[in-house]
Protein backbone atom coordinates (compact mmCIF):
# COMPACT_ATOMS: atom_id res chain seq x y z
CA MET A 1 0.00 0.00 0.00
CA LYS A 2 2.85 2.34 0.83
CA GLN A 3 4.42 1.59 -2.52
CA LEU A 4 1.14 2.34 -4.35
CA PHE A 5 0.72 5.60 -2.43
CA ALA A 6 4.34 6.57 -3.19
CA ALA A 7 3.85 5.73 -6.88
CA ILE A 8 0.67 7.85 -7.09
CA LEU A 9 2.39 10.73 -5.27
CA LEU A 10 5.39 10.47 -7.59
CA PHE A 11 3.07 10.39 -10.64
CA PHE A 12 1.22 13.57 -9.54
CA SER A 13 4.51 15.32 -8.72
CA PHE A 14 5.83 14.67 -12.22
CA SER A 15 2.49 15.72 -13.74
CA ILE A 16 2.54 19.06 -11.97
CA ILE A 17 6.19 19.73 -12.83
CA SER A 18 5.85 18.67 -16.45
CA CYS A 19 2.69 20.79 -17.04
CA ARG A 20 4.43 23.97 -16.05
CA GLU A 21 5.33 26.04 -19.13
CA ASP A 22 8.26 28.35 -19.36
CA VAL A 23 6.85 31.76 -20.32
CA ASP A 24 8.90 34.11 -22.43
CA ALA A 25 8.97 37.46 -20.59
CA SER A 26 8.96 39.40 -23.88
CA ALA A 27 5.59 37.82 -24.74
CA LEU A 28 4.10 39.49 -21.65
CA GLN A 29 5.17 43.01 -22.63
CA VAL A 30 2.38 45.48 -23.29
CA TYR A 31 1.85 46.34 -26.96
CA ASP A 32 2.55 50.03 -27.52
CA GLY A 33 2.07 50.20 -31.29
CA PRO A 34 -0.93 51.67 -33.11
CA ILE A 35 -4.34 50.21 -32.32
CA ASN A 36 -5.92 51.75 -35.41
CA VAL A 37 -4.50 52.73 -38.80
CA ALA A 38 -6.50 54.77 -41.31
CA THR A 39 -5.59 55.93 -44.80
CA ASN A 40 -6.67 59.03 -46.71
CA ILE A 41 -8.36 60.63 -43.71
CA HIS A 42 -10.49 63.76 -43.96
CA ILE A 43 -11.71 65.32 -40.68
CA ILE A 44 -14.03 68.33 -40.77
CA GLU A 45 -14.55 70.61 -37.76
CA SER A 46 -17.57 72.89 -37.76
CA ASP A 47 -19.12 75.28 -35.28
CA SER A 48 -22.80 76.28 -35.51
CA ALA A 49 -22.96 74.67 -38.97
CA LEU A 50 -20.02 76.79 -40.17
CA LEU A 51 -16.90 75.07 -41.49
CA ARG A 52 -13.91 75.99 -39.28
CA SER A 53 -11.13 73.59 -40.28
CA GLU A 54 -10.30 70.47 -42.27
CA ILE A 55 -7.56 67.97 -41.57
CA ARG A 56 -6.31 65.70 -44.35
CA ALA A 57 -3.60 63.06 -44.16
CA PRO A 58 -2.57 60.06 -46.26
CA LYS A 59 -2.10 57.93 -43.14
CA GLN A 60 -3.15 58.24 -39.49
CA MET A 61 -2.06 55.90 -36.71
CA GLU A 62 -3.98 56.02 -33.42
CA PHE A 63 -2.48 54.74 -30.17
CA LEU A 64 -4.07 53.36 -26.99
CA GLU A 65 -4.06 56.67 -25.06
CA GLY A 66 -5.63 58.51 -28.00
CA ASP A 67 -2.39 60.01 -29.31
CA MET A 68 -2.05 60.03 -33.10
CA GLU A 69 0.78 60.03 -35.61
CA PHE A 70 0.61 61.18 -39.22
CA PRO A 71 3.82 59.62 -40.64
CA GLU A 72 3.21 60.60 -44.27
CA GLY A 73 2.30 64.22 -43.63
CA ILE A 74 -0.68 66.37 -42.70
CA GLU A 75 -2.58 69.33 -44.12
CA ILE A 76 -4.77 71.56 -41.93
CA GLN A 77 -6.96 74.10 -43.70
CA PHE A 78 -8.69 76.91 -41.78
CA PHE A 79 -11.73 78.79 -43.06
CA GLU A 80 -13.14 82.30 -42.66
CA LYS A 81 -16.63 82.85 -41.22
CA ASP A 82 -18.02 83.10 -44.75
CA GLY A 83 -16.55 79.66 -45.57
CA ALA A 84 -13.67 80.92 -47.70
CA PRO A 85 -10.32 79.14 -47.15
CA SER A 86 -7.87 81.34 -45.26
CA THR A 87 -4.79 79.59 -43.89
CA LYS A 88 -3.18 76.24 -44.59
CA ILE A 89 -0.62 74.38 -42.46
CA GLN A 90 1.35 71.55 -44.08
CA ALA A 91 4.01 69.29 -42.54
CA ASP A 92 5.98 66.26 -43.69
CA LYS A 93 5.12 64.42 -40.46
CA ALA A 94 2.86 65.25 -37.53
CA PHE A 95 1.82 64.08 -34.08
CA PHE A 96 -1.24 64.73 -31.92
CA ASP A 97 -0.99 64.60 -28.11
CA LYS A 98 -4.48 63.90 -26.80
CA GLU A 99 -3.72 64.76 -23.16
CA GLU A 100 -2.48 68.24 -24.11
CA ASN A 101 -4.75 68.56 -27.21
CA LEU A 102 -1.70 69.69 -29.17
CA TYR A 103 -0.57 69.04 -32.76
CA ARG A 104 3.14 69.07 -33.66
CA GLY A 105 4.34 69.25 -37.26
CA GLN A 106 7.88 68.25 -38.21
CA GLY A 107 10.10 68.34 -41.26
CA ASN A 108 9.30 70.90 -43.91
CA VAL A 109 6.49 72.80 -42.15
CA ARG A 110 4.72 75.50 -44.14
CA VAL A 111 2.00 77.96 -43.18
CA ASP A 112 0.30 79.96 -45.92
CA ASN A 113 -2.20 82.76 -45.34
CA GLU A 114 -3.16 83.62 -48.91
CA ILE A 115 -5.57 86.37 -47.84
CA GLU A 116 -2.81 88.39 -46.11
CA ASP A 117 -0.01 87.10 -48.42
CA GLN A 118 1.93 85.78 -45.40
CA HIS A 119 3.98 82.58 -45.51
CA LEU A 120 6.08 80.73 -42.94
CA GLN A 121 8.62 77.90 -43.17
CA ALA A 122 10.03 76.05 -40.16
CA GLU A 123 11.31 72.63 -39.12
CA GLU A 124 8.80 72.28 -36.29
CA LEU A 125 5.49 73.96 -35.46
CA PHE A 126 2.85 73.45 -32.77
CA TRP A 127 -0.88 74.11 -33.12
CA ASP A 128 -2.98 74.47 -29.97
CA PRO A 129 -6.67 74.23 -31.01
CA ASN A 130 -7.85 75.29 -27.52
CA LYS A 131 -5.85 78.54 -27.49
CA LYS A 132 -6.16 78.89 -31.29
CA ILE A 133 -2.45 79.64 -31.67
CA ILE A 134 0.52 78.28 -33.61
CA TYR A 135 4.07 78.56 -32.29
CA THR A 136 7.64 77.33 -32.57
CA GLU A 137 11.00 77.78 -30.89
CA THR A 138 12.95 76.74 -34.01
CA PHE A 139 14.40 78.78 -36.87
CA VAL A 140 11.69 80.32 -39.06
CA THR A 141 11.49 82.17 -42.34
CA VAL A 142 8.47 84.44 -42.77
CA ARG A 143 7.52 86.17 -46.00
CA ASP A 144 5.07 88.97 -45.30
CA LYS A 145 4.02 90.41 -48.64
CA GLN A 146 7.37 91.61 -50.09
CA THR A 147 9.48 91.40 -46.91
CA LEU A 148 11.41 88.33 -45.81
CA PHE A 149 12.22 87.79 -42.10
CA ASN A 150 14.52 85.16 -40.60
CA GLY A 151 14.52 84.45 -36.90
CA THR A 152 14.16 81.98 -34.08
CA GLY A 153 10.86 81.43 -32.30
CA MET A 154 7.43 82.64 -33.32
CA VAL A 155 3.90 82.78 -31.96
CA ALA A 156 0.78 83.62 -34.00
CA ASP A 157 -2.98 83.22 -34.07
CA GLU A 158 -3.99 80.04 -35.90
CA SER A 159 -4.91 82.04 -39.02
CA PHE A 160 -1.35 83.43 -39.11
CA THR A 161 -2.75 86.95 -39.46
CA ASN A 162 -1.01 88.37 -36.39
CA TYR A 163 2.40 86.97 -35.49
CA THR A 164 5.42 87.83 -33.37
CA LEU A 165 8.96 86.70 -34.10
CA LYS A 166 10.89 86.21 -30.86
CA SER A 167 14.41 86.76 -32.17
CA VAL A 168 14.77 88.35 -35.61
CA ARG A 169 18.14 87.65 -37.25
CA ASP A 170 17.69 89.60 -40.45
CA SER A 171 15.15 90.90 -42.93
CA ARG A 172 15.18 91.99 -46.53
CA THR A 173 12.89 92.96 -49.38
CA VAL A 174 11.97 90.25 -51.85
CA LEU A 175 13.19 91.24 -55.31
CA PRO A 176 10.83 91.23 -58.31
CA GLY A 177 10.85 87.84 -59.99
CA GLU A 178 12.41 86.13 -56.97
CA ASN A 179 10.56 82.87 -56.38
CA LEU A 180 10.30 82.02 -52.67
């Protein structure tokens, strides 16, 4: 009887030990990649049935916390109260931080206000939809009608009608026929 009991105990011991799986620790890591990928997106924002802005991007990746990445570029178009297009922001790559409700454009970032004939180029630009401002701390080139300004740092309303350069390096008049 003791031998039978010992055999059964030995059998269960081996069963428990042999059923235990070795788990790869890397398989337990939390996935931090995109949870949603969309192509050719077109987002329209309106207020009181009036078109305020449009966002277009070839690719949008959304992450678990609601942050987004636009790896193939972004275009944000703002509109006047009468519905006419006013200002356009374009960037080679962009990010959206949901917690701060802040867009960040990178690469060749351009802002064009065709109504005021004002244009900006920078390597990085932030857009805060809550405060309705755009800003950067990087080097910028601004063409305001026929005057060209170079400087570091800029803040403006989102329509790029009123802007302030923080540190102007130089300025000059654009010559006739000069294509900028």
